């Protein structure tokens, strides 16, 4: 009976669903919230679309990612928070996938869109979010660069993650991921 509260709870569970592999369940729950879109604030709508875009990258539903990522970014209207970075990162990754599978070489227009999206996500993360979130966004930067076949740029992003996380405790899994990417 409280669609706004349901949407906020569903979006706050984004990280849990992503890390636990419950992305189908998460996406289904957030989509249920959007069934009552007309009762949600613009921010809640934006957050729901961002969560769906992020969770949909894990289901390889890239057209879905592009659609919901774009809706999230448009509705966010310049807002700078974690779910906005999720929308930019997811959309950037979907553009990179489309670029990589467009022919023998990555489509330069789609590759540029991918890079622009993750650059915007990184700008938001660096301006307002904790260092761990910046590292997660850099992971998307590295993934985009790997996907469009720029291994040097990907290695730079992975190395940045290791560098910025070095002095921080309890982020071993992020460092391990970055070291794995570097290898």
N, C-alpha and C. Protein backbone atom coordinates (compact mmCIF):
# COMPACT_ATOMS: atom_id res chain seq x y z
N UNK A 1 0.78 -1.20 0.00
CA UNK A 1 0.00 0.00 0.00
C UNK A 1 0.83 1.28 0.00
N UNK A 2 2.16 1.16 0.06
CA UNK A 2 3.02 2.35 0.05
C UNK A 2 4.07 2.17 -1.05
N UNK A 3 3.70 2.47 -2.29
CA UNK A 3 4.60 2.21 -3.43
C UNK A 3 5.94 2.94 -3.33
N UNK A 4 5.96 4.16 -2.80
CA UNK A 4 7.22 4.89 -2.67
C UNK A 4 8.17 4.19 -1.71
N UNK A 5 7.64 3.75 -0.58
CA UNK A 5 8.47 3.03 0.40
C UNK A 5 8.96 1.72 -0.19
N UNK A 6 8.09 1.01 -0.89
CA UNK A 6 8.48 -0.25 -1.52
C UNK A 6 9.60 -0.02 -2.53
N UNK A 7 9.49 1.04 -3.32
CA UNK A 7 10.52 1.34 -4.32
C UNK A 7 11.85 1.66 -3.65
N UNK A 8 11.80 2.45 -2.58
CA UNK A 8 13.05 2.81 -1.88
C UNK A 8 13.71 1.57 -1.27
N UNK A 9 12.91 0.69 -0.68
CA UNK A 9 13.46 -0.54 -0.10
C UNK A 9 14.05 -1.41 -1.21
N UNK A 10 13.31 -1.58 -2.29
CA UNK A 10 13.79 -2.41 -3.40
C UNK A 10 15.11 -1.88 -3.95
N UNK A 11 15.23 -0.57 -4.10
CA UNK A 11 16.45 0.03 -4.64
C UNK A 11 17.61 -0.07 -3.64
N UNK A 12 17.30 0.03 -2.35
CA UNK A 12 18.35 -0.12 -1.34
C UNK A 12 18.90 -1.55 -1.31
N UNK A 13 18.12 -2.51 -1.77
CA UNK A 13 18.57 -3.90 -1.82
C UNK A 13 19.37 -4.22 -3.08
N UNK A 14 19.55 -3.22 -3.95
CA UNK A 14 20.28 -3.43 -5.21
C UNK A 14 21.61 -4.15 -4.98
N UNK A 15 22.43 -3.65 -4.08
CA UNK A 15 23.74 -4.25 -3.82
C UNK A 15 23.65 -5.69 -3.35
N UNK A 16 22.68 -5.97 -2.51
CA UNK A 16 22.48 -7.35 -2.04
C UNK A 16 22.15 -8.27 -3.22
N UNK A 17 21.18 -7.83 -4.04
CA UNK A 17 20.78 -8.67 -5.15
C UNK A 17 21.93 -8.87 -6.13
N UNK A 18 22.70 -7.84 -6.34
CA UNK A 18 23.82 -7.92 -7.28
C UNK A 18 24.90 -8.87 -6.75
N UNK A 19 25.31 -8.66 -5.51
CA UNK A 19 26.40 -9.46 -4.94
C UNK A 19 26.00 -10.90 -4.64
N UNK A 20 24.73 -11.13 -4.32
CA UNK A 20 24.29 -12.48 -3.97
C UNK A 20 23.85 -13.30 -5.18
N UNK A 21 23.87 -12.68 -6.35
CA UNK A 21 23.44 -13.40 -7.55
C UNK A 21 21.93 -13.49 -7.68
N UNK A 22 21.21 -12.72 -6.90
CA UNK A 22 19.74 -12.72 -6.92
C UNK A 22 19.20 -11.67 -7.89
N UNK A 23 19.92 -11.45 -9.00
CA UNK A 23 19.55 -10.35 -9.89
C UNK A 23 18.19 -10.55 -10.57
N UNK A 24 17.80 -11.78 -10.86
CA UNK A 24 16.47 -11.99 -11.46
C UNK A 24 15.37 -11.60 -10.46
N UNK A 25 15.54 -12.04 -9.22
CA UNK A 25 14.59 -11.69 -8.16
C UNK A 25 14.55 -10.17 -7.96
N UNK A 26 15.72 -9.56 -7.88
CA UNK A 26 15.79 -8.12 -7.68
C UNK A 26 15.13 -7.35 -8.80
N UNK A 27 15.44 -7.75 -10.02
CA UNK A 27 14.85 -7.06 -11.17
C UNK A 27 13.33 -7.20 -11.16
N UNK A 28 12.85 -8.40 -10.83
CA UNK A 28 11.40 -8.63 -10.78
C UNK A 28 10.75 -7.74 -9.73
N UNK A 29 11.36 -7.64 -8.56
CA UNK A 29 10.80 -6.81 -7.48
C UNK A 29 10.78 -5.33 -7.85
N UNK A 30 11.87 -4.87 -8.46
CA UNK A 30 11.92 -3.45 -8.83
C UNK A 30 10.93 -3.16 -9.97
N UNK A 31 10.81 -4.08 -10.90
CA UNK A 31 9.81 -3.91 -11.96
C UNK A 31 8.40 -3.84 -11.40
N UNK A 32 8.13 -4.62 -10.35
CA UNK A 32 6.82 -4.55 -9.69
C UNK A 32 6.57 -3.15 -9.13
N UNK A 33 7.61 -2.53 -8.62
CA UNK A 33 7.47 -1.16 -8.12
C UNK A 33 7.10 -0.21 -9.24
N UNK A 34 7.69 -0.42 -10.41
CA UNK A 34 7.39 0.47 -11.54
C UNK A 34 5.99 0.24 -12.10
N UNK A 35 5.35 -0.88 -11.74
CA UNK A 35 3.96 -1.08 -12.14
C UNK A 35 3.06 0.02 -11.58
N UNK A 36 3.52 0.66 -10.50
CA UNK A 36 2.76 1.76 -9.89
C UNK A 36 3.52 3.07 -10.06
N UNK A 37 4.13 3.20 -11.21
CA UNK A 37 4.99 4.33 -11.55
C UNK A 37 4.30 5.67 -11.29
N UNK A 38 3.03 5.76 -11.62
CA UNK A 38 2.31 7.03 -11.45
C UNK A 38 2.18 7.45 -9.98
N UNK A 39 2.47 6.53 -9.05
CA UNK A 39 2.40 6.85 -7.63
C UNK A 39 3.79 7.10 -7.02
N UNK A 40 4.83 7.04 -7.86
CA UNK A 40 6.20 7.21 -7.38
C UNK A 40 6.72 8.61 -7.68
N UNK A 41 7.59 9.10 -6.83
CA UNK A 41 8.26 10.37 -7.11
C UNK A 41 9.20 10.18 -8.29
N UNK A 42 9.61 11.27 -8.88
CA UNK A 42 10.55 11.20 -10.01
C UNK A 42 11.85 10.53 -9.55
N UNK A 43 12.32 10.85 -8.36
CA UNK A 43 13.54 10.24 -7.84
C UNK A 43 13.37 8.73 -7.69
N UNK A 44 12.25 8.28 -7.13
CA UNK A 44 12.02 6.84 -6.98
C UNK A 44 11.94 6.16 -8.34
N UNK A 45 11.32 6.81 -9.31
CA UNK A 45 11.27 6.25 -10.66
C UNK A 45 12.68 6.11 -11.23
N UNK A 46 13.47 7.17 -11.09
CA UNK A 46 14.84 7.16 -11.59
C UNK A 46 15.64 6.04 -10.93
N UNK A 47 15.52 5.92 -9.61
CA UNK A 47 16.26 4.89 -8.89
C UNK A 47 15.83 3.49 -9.32
N UNK A 48 14.54 3.30 -9.53
CA UNK A 48 14.06 1.99 -9.99
C UNK A 48 14.63 1.65 -11.37
N UNK A 49 14.61 2.61 -12.28
CA UNK A 49 15.16 2.36 -13.61
C UNK A 49 16.66 2.08 -13.53
N UNK A 50 17.37 2.78 -12.66
CA UNK A 50 18.82 2.54 -12.49
C UNK A 50 19.08 1.14 -11.96
N UNK A 51 18.32 0.74 -10.95
CA UNK A 51 18.49 -0.60 -10.38
C UNK A 51 18.20 -1.68 -11.42
N UNK A 52 17.15 -1.48 -12.19
CA UNK A 52 16.81 -2.45 -13.24
C UNK A 52 17.93 -2.51 -14.28
N UNK A 53 18.45 -1.37 -14.67
CA UNK A 53 19.54 -1.34 -15.66
C UNK A 53 20.75 -2.10 -15.12
N UNK A 54 21.14 -1.82 -13.88
CA UNK A 54 22.30 -2.49 -13.30
C UNK A 54 22.10 -3.98 -13.18
N UNK A 55 20.95 -4.41 -12.69
CA UNK A 55 20.68 -5.84 -12.54
C UNK A 55 20.55 -6.53 -13.89
N UNK A 56 20.08 -5.80 -14.89
CA UNK A 56 19.90 -6.40 -16.22
C UNK A 56 21.23 -6.65 -16.94
N UNK A 57 22.31 -5.94 -16.54
CA UNK A 57 23.61 -6.26 -17.16
C UNK A 57 24.00 -7.69 -16.83
N UNK A 58 23.59 -8.16 -15.66
CA UNK A 58 23.93 -9.52 -15.24
C UNK A 58 23.08 -10.58 -15.93
N UNK A 59 21.96 -10.17 -16.51
CA UNK A 59 21.11 -11.11 -17.24
C UNK A 59 21.36 -11.01 -18.75
N UNK A 60 22.29 -10.15 -19.12
CA UNK A 60 22.66 -9.94 -20.52
C UNK A 60 21.51 -9.44 -21.37
N UNK A 61 20.63 -8.66 -20.76
CA UNK A 61 19.49 -8.06 -21.46
C UNK A 61 19.86 -6.63 -21.83
N UNK A 62 20.74 -6.49 -22.83
CA UNK A 62 21.37 -5.19 -23.07
C UNK A 62 20.42 -4.13 -23.62
N UNK A 63 19.44 -4.50 -24.41
CA UNK A 63 18.46 -3.51 -24.86
C UNK A 63 17.65 -2.99 -23.66
N UNK A 64 17.35 -3.89 -22.75
CA UNK A 64 16.67 -3.53 -21.51
C UNK A 64 17.54 -2.59 -20.70
N UNK A 65 18.84 -2.88 -20.64
CA UNK A 65 19.79 -2.03 -19.92
C UNK A 65 19.79 -0.63 -20.53
N UNK A 66 19.90 -0.55 -21.84
CA UNK A 66 19.93 0.76 -22.50
C UNK A 66 18.65 1.55 -22.25
N UNK A 67 17.52 0.87 -22.35
CA UNK A 67 16.23 1.55 -22.14
C UNK A 67 16.13 2.07 -20.70
N UNK A 68 16.33 1.21 -19.73
CA UNK A 68 16.16 1.63 -18.33
C UNK A 68 17.30 2.55 -17.88
N UNK A 69 18.50 2.32 -18.37
CA UNK A 69 19.60 3.22 -18.03
C UNK A 69 19.35 4.63 -18.52
N UNK A 70 18.85 4.75 -19.73
CA UNK A 70 18.55 6.07 -20.29
C UNK A 70 17.41 6.73 -19.53
N UNK A 71 16.38 5.97 -19.20
CA UNK A 71 15.28 6.54 -18.41
C UNK A 71 15.79 7.04 -17.06
N UNK A 72 16.64 6.25 -16.42
CA UNK A 72 17.18 6.64 -15.10
C UNK A 72 17.96 7.94 -15.20
N UNK A 73 18.85 8.02 -16.19
CA UNK A 73 19.68 9.21 -16.36
C UNK A 73 18.81 10.43 -16.68
N UNK A 74 17.85 10.26 -17.56
CA UNK A 74 16.97 11.37 -17.92
C UNK A 74 16.16 11.86 -16.72
N UNK A 75 15.62 10.94 -15.94
CA UNK A 75 14.82 11.32 -14.78
C UNK A 75 15.69 11.90 -13.66
N UNK A 76 16.93 11.47 -13.57
CA UNK A 76 17.83 11.96 -12.52
C UNK A 76 18.13 13.44 -12.70
N UNK A 77 18.11 13.88 -13.93
CA UNK A 77 18.24 15.31 -14.24
C UNK A 77 19.39 15.98 -13.49
N UNK A 78 20.57 15.40 -13.63
CA UNK A 78 21.76 16.00 -13.01
C UNK A 78 22.02 15.59 -11.58
N UNK A 79 21.15 14.79 -10.98
CA UNK A 79 21.38 14.32 -9.60
C UNK A 79 22.66 13.49 -9.57
N UNK A 80 23.37 13.55 -8.47
CA UNK A 80 24.67 12.88 -8.38
C UNK A 80 24.69 11.97 -7.16
N UNK A 81 24.37 10.69 -7.38
CA UNK A 81 24.41 9.73 -6.28
C UNK A 81 24.74 8.35 -6.82
N UNK A 82 24.76 7.37 -5.92
CA UNK A 82 25.23 6.03 -6.28
C UNK A 82 24.38 5.39 -7.38
N UNK A 83 23.06 5.49 -7.29
CA UNK A 83 22.24 4.85 -8.31
C UNK A 83 22.36 5.52 -9.67
N UNK A 84 22.67 6.79 -9.69
CA UNK A 84 22.93 7.45 -10.98
C UNK A 84 24.19 6.85 -11.61
N UNK A 85 25.21 6.57 -10.79
CA UNK A 85 26.42 5.94 -11.35
C UNK A 85 26.10 4.55 -11.87
N UNK A 86 25.20 3.84 -11.19
CA UNK A 86 24.79 2.51 -11.66
C UNK A 86 24.18 2.63 -13.05
N UNK A 87 23.30 3.61 -13.24
CA UNK A 87 22.66 3.79 -14.55
C UNK A 87 23.68 4.10 -15.63
N UNK A 88 24.60 5.02 -15.35
CA UNK A 88 25.63 5.35 -16.34
C UNK A 88 26.53 4.16 -16.63
N UNK A 89 26.95 3.44 -15.59
CA UNK A 89 27.84 2.29 -15.78
C UNK A 89 27.15 1.19 -16.59
N UNK A 90 25.92 0.89 -16.22
CA UNK A 90 25.18 -0.17 -16.93
C UNK A 90 24.98 0.21 -18.39
N UNK A 91 24.57 1.44 -18.63
CA UNK A 91 24.36 1.88 -20.01
C UNK A 91 25.66 1.88 -20.78
N UNK A 92 26.74 2.34 -20.15
CA UNK A 92 28.05 2.32 -20.81
C UNK A 92 28.48 0.91 -21.17
N UNK A 93 28.27 -0.03 -20.26
CA UNK A 93 28.65 -1.41 -20.53
C UNK A 93 27.81 -1.98 -21.69
N UNK A 94 26.52 -1.66 -21.72
CA UNK A 94 25.67 -2.14 -22.81
C UNK A 94 26.12 -1.55 -24.15
N UNK A 95 26.49 -0.27 -24.16
CA UNK A 95 27.03 0.32 -25.40
C UNK A 95 28.31 -0.40 -25.81
N UNK A 96 29.17 -0.72 -24.84
CA UNK A 96 30.42 -1.42 -25.15
C UNK A 96 30.16 -2.80 -25.75
N UNK A 97 29.20 -3.51 -25.20
CA UNK A 97 28.83 -4.83 -25.74
C UNK A 97 28.35 -4.68 -27.18
N UNK A 98 27.47 -3.71 -27.40
CA UNK A 98 26.98 -3.49 -28.76
C UNK A 98 28.11 -3.09 -29.70
N UNK A 99 29.03 -2.27 -29.20
CA UNK A 99 30.18 -1.83 -30.02
C UNK A 99 31.05 -3.02 -30.40
N UNK A 100 31.32 -3.87 -29.43
CA UNK A 100 32.23 -5.01 -29.65
C UNK A 100 31.66 -6.03 -30.62
N UNK A 101 30.36 -6.17 -30.63
CA UNK A 101 29.76 -7.20 -31.47
C UNK A 101 29.10 -6.62 -32.72
N UNK A 102 29.58 -5.44 -33.12
CA UNK A 102 29.01 -4.79 -34.30
C UNK A 102 29.75 -5.14 -35.59
N UNK A 103 30.87 -5.81 -35.47
CA UNK A 103 31.66 -6.16 -36.65
C UNK A 103 33.03 -6.63 -36.23
N UNK A 104 34.00 -6.54 -37.13
CA UNK A 104 35.35 -7.03 -36.85
C UNK A 104 36.05 -6.19 -35.80
N UNK A 105 35.82 -4.88 -35.83
CA UNK A 105 36.38 -3.99 -34.82
C UNK A 105 35.23 -3.28 -34.12
N UNK A 106 35.51 -2.83 -32.90
CA UNK A 106 34.46 -2.15 -32.14
C UNK A 106 33.98 -0.91 -32.89
N UNK A 107 32.68 -0.74 -32.95
CA UNK A 107 32.09 0.42 -33.58
C UNK A 107 32.54 1.67 -32.81
N UNK A 108 33.23 2.61 -33.47
CA UNK A 108 33.78 3.76 -32.75
C UNK A 108 32.73 4.68 -32.13
N UNK A 109 31.57 4.79 -32.77
CA UNK A 109 30.52 5.65 -32.21
C UNK A 109 29.96 5.05 -30.92
N UNK A 110 29.70 3.75 -30.95
CA UNK A 110 29.19 3.09 -29.74
C UNK A 110 30.27 3.04 -28.66
N UNK A 111 31.51 2.83 -29.06
CA UNK A 111 32.61 2.82 -28.09
C UNK A 111 32.73 4.19 -27.40
N UNK A 112 32.55 5.25 -28.17
CA UNK A 112 32.61 6.60 -27.60
C UNK A 112 31.46 6.83 -26.62
N UNK A 113 30.27 6.32 -26.95
CA UNK A 113 29.13 6.44 -26.03
C UNK A 113 29.42 5.69 -24.73
N UNK A 114 30.00 4.51 -24.86
CA UNK A 114 30.33 3.70 -23.69
C UNK A 114 31.31 4.44 -22.80
N UNK A 115 32.35 4.97 -23.40
CA UNK A 115 33.36 5.71 -22.64
C UNK A 115 32.77 6.97 -21.99
N UNK A 116 31.90 7.65 -22.71
CA UNK A 116 31.28 8.86 -22.17
C UNK A 116 30.43 8.53 -20.94
N UNK A 117 29.67 7.45 -21.02
CA UNK A 117 28.82 7.07 -19.89
C UNK A 117 29.64 6.71 -18.65
N UNK A 118 30.68 5.89 -18.81
CA UNK A 118 31.46 5.52 -17.63
C UNK A 118 32.28 6.70 -17.11
N UNK A 119 32.65 7.61 -18.00
CA UNK A 119 33.36 8.82 -17.55
C UNK A 119 32.42 9.69 -16.70
N UNK A 120 31.16 9.78 -17.11
CA UNK A 120 30.19 10.54 -16.31
C UNK A 120 29.96 9.87 -14.96
N UNK A 121 29.89 8.55 -14.95
CA UNK A 121 29.73 7.82 -13.69
C UNK A 121 30.92 8.08 -12.77
N UNK A 122 32.11 8.06 -13.35
CA UNK A 122 33.32 8.29 -12.55
C UNK A 122 33.36 9.72 -12.01
N UNK A 123 32.91 10.67 -12.81
CA UNK A 123 32.85 12.06 -12.36
C UNK A 123 31.93 12.19 -11.14
N UNK A 124 30.76 11.56 -11.22
CA UNK A 124 29.81 11.59 -10.09
C UNK A 124 30.44 10.91 -8.87
N UNK A 125 31.01 9.74 -9.08
CA UNK A 125 31.59 8.99 -7.97
C UNK A 125 32.70 9.78 -7.28
N UNK A 126 33.57 10.39 -8.07
CA UNK A 126 34.70 11.14 -7.50
C UNK A 126 34.23 12.40 -6.77
N UNK A 127 33.10 12.94 -7.16
CA UNK A 127 32.65 14.19 -6.54
C UNK A 127 31.91 13.97 -5.23
N UNK A 128 31.30 12.81 -5.04
CA UNK A 128 30.40 12.69 -3.90
C UNK A 128 30.39 11.35 -3.18
N UNK A 129 31.04 10.34 -3.71
CA UNK A 129 30.84 9.00 -3.16
C UNK A 129 32.11 8.45 -2.51
N UNK A 130 31.95 7.49 -1.62
CA UNK A 130 33.11 6.90 -0.94
C UNK A 130 34.08 6.25 -1.93
N UNK A 131 35.31 6.13 -1.50
CA UNK A 131 36.37 5.60 -2.36
C UNK A 131 36.05 4.19 -2.87
N UNK A 132 35.36 3.39 -2.06
CA UNK A 132 34.99 2.04 -2.50
C UNK A 132 34.04 2.10 -3.70
N UNK A 133 33.14 3.06 -3.70
CA UNK A 133 32.23 3.19 -4.83
C UNK A 133 32.98 3.67 -6.07
N UNK A 134 33.94 4.55 -5.87
CA UNK A 134 34.78 4.99 -6.99
C UNK A 134 35.49 3.79 -7.60
N UNK A 135 35.96 2.88 -6.75
CA UNK A 135 36.64 1.68 -7.24
C UNK A 135 35.69 0.81 -8.05
N UNK A 136 34.45 0.69 -7.60
CA UNK A 136 33.48 -0.09 -8.36
C UNK A 136 33.24 0.51 -9.74
N UNK A 137 33.14 1.83 -9.80
CA UNK A 137 32.94 2.50 -11.08
C UNK A 137 34.18 2.30 -11.96
N UNK A 138 35.36 2.39 -11.38
CA UNK A 138 36.58 2.12 -12.16
C UNK A 138 36.59 0.69 -12.70
N UNK A 139 35.98 -0.23 -11.97
CA UNK A 139 35.84 -1.60 -12.48
C UNK A 139 35.00 -1.63 -13.75
N UNK A 140 33.96 -0.81 -13.79
CA UNK A 140 33.16 -0.71 -15.01
C UNK A 140 33.97 -0.06 -16.13
N UNK A 141 34.76 0.96 -15.79
CA UNK A 141 35.63 1.58 -16.80
C UNK A 141 36.53 0.50 -17.41
N UNK A 142 37.14 -0.30 -16.56
CA UNK A 142 38.04 -1.36 -17.04
C UNK A 142 37.29 -2.38 -17.88
N UNK A 143 36.08 -2.73 -17.46
CA UNK A 143 35.29 -3.70 -18.21
C UNK A 143 34.89 -3.17 -19.58
N UNK A 144 34.53 -1.88 -19.63
CA UNK A 144 34.20 -1.27 -20.91
C UNK A 144 35.41 -1.29 -21.83
N UNK A 145 36.56 -0.89 -21.30
CA UNK A 145 37.78 -0.85 -22.13
C UNK A 145 38.18 -2.25 -22.59
N UNK A 146 38.04 -3.24 -21.74
CA UNK A 146 38.33 -4.62 -22.14
C UNK A 146 37.38 -5.06 -23.24
N UNK A 147 36.12 -4.74 -23.09
CA UNK A 147 35.11 -5.15 -24.06
C UNK A 147 35.36 -4.52 -25.43
N UNK A 148 35.78 -3.26 -25.46
CA UNK A 148 36.02 -2.62 -26.76
C UNK A 148 37.47 -2.79 -27.20
N UNK A 149 38.19 -3.64 -26.48
CA UNK A 149 39.53 -4.10 -26.86
C UNK A 149 40.63 -3.04 -26.73
N UNK A 150 40.57 -2.26 -25.66
CA UNK A 150 41.68 -1.36 -25.33
C UNK A 150 42.27 -1.84 -24.00
N UNK A 151 43.15 -2.82 -24.11
CA UNK A 151 43.70 -3.45 -22.92
C UNK A 151 44.59 -2.50 -22.10
N UNK A 152 45.23 -1.56 -22.76
CA UNK A 152 46.08 -0.60 -22.05
C UNK A 152 45.22 0.29 -21.15
N UNK A 153 44.13 0.80 -21.68
CA UNK A 153 43.23 1.64 -20.89
C UNK A 153 42.59 0.82 -19.76
N UNK A 154 42.25 -0.44 -20.04
CA UNK A 154 41.68 -1.30 -19.00
C UNK A 154 42.70 -1.51 -17.88
N UNK A 155 43.94 -1.76 -18.23
CA UNK A 155 44.99 -1.97 -17.22
C UNK A 155 45.17 -0.72 -16.36
N UNK A 156 45.09 0.45 -16.98
CA UNK A 156 45.19 1.70 -16.20
C UNK A 156 44.08 1.80 -15.16
N UNK A 157 42.87 1.43 -15.55
CA UNK A 157 41.73 1.49 -14.63
C UNK A 157 41.90 0.48 -13.49
N UNK A 158 42.31 -0.75 -13.83
CA UNK A 158 42.53 -1.76 -12.79
C UNK A 158 43.62 -1.29 -11.83
N UNK A 159 44.68 -0.72 -12.36
CA UNK A 159 45.79 -0.24 -11.52
C UNK A 159 45.34 0.90 -10.61
N UNK A 160 44.46 1.76 -11.12
CA UNK A 160 43.93 2.85 -10.28
C UNK A 160 43.16 2.29 -9.09
N UNK A 161 42.41 1.23 -9.33
CA UNK A 161 41.66 0.61 -8.23
C UNK A 161 42.62 0.14 -7.14
N UNK A 162 43.64 -0.58 -7.54
CA UNK A 162 44.62 -1.09 -6.57
C UNK A 162 45.24 0.09 -5.82
N UNK A 163 45.60 1.12 -6.54
CA UNK A 163 46.26 2.28 -5.94
C UNK A 163 45.37 3.01 -4.92
N UNK A 164 44.12 3.26 -5.28
CA UNK A 164 43.26 4.02 -4.36
C UNK A 164 42.80 3.19 -3.17
N UNK A 165 42.77 1.87 -3.33
CA UNK A 165 42.28 1.04 -2.23
C UNK A 165 43.39 0.55 -1.30
N UNK A 166 44.62 0.73 -1.71
CA UNK A 166 45.75 0.23 -0.93
C UNK A 166 45.68 0.61 0.55
N UNK A 167 45.40 1.87 0.88
CA UNK A 167 45.41 2.25 2.29
C UNK A 167 44.12 1.90 3.06
N UNK A 168 43.15 1.29 2.42
CA UNK A 168 41.85 1.06 3.06
C UNK A 168 41.72 -0.40 3.49
N UNK A 169 41.19 -0.62 4.68
CA UNK A 169 40.98 -1.97 5.18
C UNK A 169 39.63 -2.52 4.71
N UNK A 170 39.51 -3.83 4.72
CA UNK A 170 38.26 -4.54 4.44
C UNK A 170 37.74 -4.36 3.01
N UNK A 171 38.63 -4.18 2.06
CA UNK A 171 38.22 -4.11 0.66
C UNK A 171 38.98 -5.13 -0.17
N UNK A 172 39.40 -6.20 0.48
CA UNK A 172 40.22 -7.21 -0.18
C UNK A 172 39.61 -7.78 -1.44
N UNK A 173 38.29 -7.98 -1.44
CA UNK A 173 37.67 -8.56 -2.62
C UNK A 173 37.75 -7.60 -3.81
N UNK A 174 37.67 -6.30 -3.54
CA UNK A 174 37.80 -5.33 -4.64
C UNK A 174 39.23 -5.32 -5.18
N UNK A 175 40.21 -5.38 -4.28
CA UNK A 175 41.61 -5.43 -4.71
C UNK A 175 41.87 -6.71 -5.49
N UNK A 176 41.34 -7.82 -4.98
CA UNK A 176 41.52 -9.11 -5.68
C UNK A 176 40.93 -9.05 -7.09
N UNK A 177 39.76 -8.44 -7.21
CA UNK A 177 39.14 -8.29 -8.53
C UNK A 177 40.01 -7.47 -9.45
N UNK A 178 40.55 -6.37 -8.93
CA UNK A 178 41.41 -5.51 -9.75
C UNK A 178 42.69 -6.23 -10.14
N UNK A 179 43.30 -6.95 -9.21
CA UNK A 179 44.51 -7.70 -9.53
C UNK A 179 44.23 -8.79 -10.56
N UNK A 180 43.08 -9.40 -10.45
CA UNK A 180 42.67 -10.40 -11.45
C UNK A 180 42.52 -9.75 -12.82
N UNK A 181 41.91 -8.57 -12.86
CA UNK A 181 41.78 -7.84 -14.12
C UNK A 181 43.13 -7.48 -14.70
N UNK A 182 44.05 -7.07 -13.85
CA UNK A 182 45.40 -6.73 -14.32
C UNK A 182 46.10 -7.96 -14.90
N UNK A 183 45.88 -9.09 -14.27
CA UNK A 183 46.57 -10.30 -14.76
C UNK A 183 46.01 -10.73 -16.09
